[in-house]
């Protein structure tokens, strides 16, 4: 009888482990589209548990994970990445920074 209890419990735990948040693969694909940059040039930087920075093709953006449902066991469901900055913002060059500083 113990085996009958162990198998369903194991299946339940495996199901919880499979329920995760949005993946970095999803983020890389979304950022490649938003930045108009090939996926292999996208670099990810973890900012915190729900926030990722993205660099690629001279651009930079911030994404926040948004989940439709978080269950009582810590499982996240229906998650995606939401762009949280202007994705077309280009890094300022050193020459531009010096010019801006001189004008102040």
Protein backbone atom coordinates (compact mmCIF):
# COMPACT_ATOMS: atom_id res chain seq x y z
CA UNK A 1 0.00 0.00 0.00
CA UNK A 2 2.91 2.35 0.58
CA UNK A 3 3.92 2.11 -3.06
CA UNK A 4 0.52 3.34 -4.12
CA UNK A 5 1.04 6.46 -2.00
CA UNK A 6 4.64 7.06 -3.09
CA UNK A 7 3.94 7.00 -6.83
CA UNK A 8 1.18 9.67 -6.81
CA UNK A 9 3.22 11.84 -4.43
CA UNK A 10 6.25 11.60 -6.74
CA UNK A 11 4.13 12.46 -9.77
CA UNK A 12 2.72 15.46 -7.90
CA UNK A 13 6.19 16.72 -6.99
CA UNK A 14 7.42 16.25 -10.56
CA UNK A 15 4.44 18.29 -11.75
CA UNK A 16 5.32 21.11 -9.37
CA UNK A 17 8.92 21.11 -10.52
CA UNK A 18 7.75 21.42 -14.13
CA UNK A 19 5.69 24.50 -13.28
CA UNK A 20 8.17 27.30 -13.58
CA UNK A 21 8.27 30.90 -14.50
CA UNK A 22 9.09 32.38 -17.85
CA UNK A 23 12.29 30.88 -19.27
CA UNK A 24 15.44 32.62 -20.41
CA UNK A 25 14.83 31.09 -23.85
CA UNK A 26 11.50 32.94 -23.98
CA UNK A 27 13.23 36.14 -22.89
CA UNK A 28 15.99 35.76 -25.46
CA UNK A 29 13.41 35.28 -28.26
CA UNK A 30 11.32 38.25 -27.13
CA UNK A 31 14.35 40.52 -26.72
CA UNK A 32 15.69 39.50 -30.15
CA UNK A 33 12.39 40.65 -31.65
CA UNK A 34 12.13 43.87 -29.61
CA UNK A 35 15.75 44.88 -30.24
CA UNK A 36 15.77 43.63 -33.84
CA UNK A 37 18.90 41.69 -32.94
CA UNK A 38 19.84 38.02 -33.55
CA UNK A 39 19.31 35.77 -30.51
CA UNK A 40 22.95 34.70 -30.43
CA UNK A 41 23.95 38.35 -29.81
CA UNK A 42 21.56 38.79 -26.87
CA UNK A 43 23.22 38.85 -23.43
CA UNK A 44 21.18 38.49 -20.24
CA UNK A 45 21.99 40.01 -16.86
CA UNK A 46 19.98 38.97 -13.80
CA UNK A 47 18.96 42.05 -11.85
CA UNK A 48 16.76 40.34 -9.26
CA UNK A 49 14.41 37.35 -8.96
CA UNK A 50 11.87 38.81 -11.41
CA UNK A 51 13.95 41.25 -13.46
CA UNK A 52 16.44 40.66 -16.28
CA UNK A 53 18.60 43.13 -18.13
CA UNK A 54 19.21 42.50 -21.84
CA UNK A 55 22.07 43.79 -23.98
CA UNK A 56 22.37 43.28 -27.71
CA UNK A 57 23.34 45.09 -30.91
CA UNK A 58 24.30 48.27 -29.02
CA UNK A 59 20.94 48.41 -27.22
CA UNK A 60 19.81 47.75 -23.70
CA UNK A 61 16.43 46.88 -22.18
CA UNK A 62 14.91 45.69 -18.91
CA UNK A 63 12.26 42.96 -18.67
CA UNK A 64 10.08 41.95 -15.72
CA UNK A 65 8.56 38.50 -15.34
CA UNK A 66 4.76 38.60 -15.11
CA UNK A 67 2.77 35.51 -14.14
CA UNK A 68 -0.96 35.04 -14.49
CA UNK A 69 -1.10 32.83 -11.42
CA UNK A 70 1.19 31.87 -8.54
CA UNK A 71 -0.11 28.89 -6.58
CA UNK A 72 0.22 28.28 -2.85
CA UNK A 73 3.18 25.95 -3.42
CA UNK A 74 5.44 28.54 -5.07
CA UNK A 75 4.62 27.39 -8.60
CA UNK A 76 4.30 30.04 -11.29
CA UNK A 77 1.86 29.64 -14.18
CA UNK A 78 1.15 31.50 -17.43
CA UNK A 79 4.34 33.55 -17.19
CA UNK A 80 5.88 35.86 -19.76
CA UNK A 81 8.43 38.67 -19.93
CA UNK A 82 7.21 42.29 -20.07
CA UNK A 83 9.43 45.02 -21.54
CA UNK A 84 9.98 47.62 -18.81
CA UNK A 85 12.13 50.18 -20.67
CA UNK A 86 12.44 51.82 -24.06
CA UNK A 87 14.10 49.02 -26.04
CA UNK A 88 15.44 51.37 -28.73
CA UNK A 89 17.55 53.41 -26.33
CA UNK A 90 21.16 53.27 -27.53
CA UNK A 91 24.18 53.46 -25.29
CA UNK A 92 25.71 56.92 -25.27
CA UNK A 93 29.22 57.13 -26.62
CA UNK A 94 32.02 58.70 -24.59
CA UNK A 95 32.14 61.62 -27.07
CA UNK A 96 28.43 62.33 -26.56
CA UNK A 97 28.83 62.18 -22.76
CA UNK A 98 31.70 64.65 -22.83
CA UNK A 99 29.72 67.05 -25.05
CA UNK A 100 26.70 66.82 -22.70
CA UNK A 101 28.92 67.47 -19.67
CA UNK A 102 30.48 70.53 -21.30
CA UNK A 103 27.03 72.02 -21.95
CA UNK A 104 26.02 71.82 -18.27
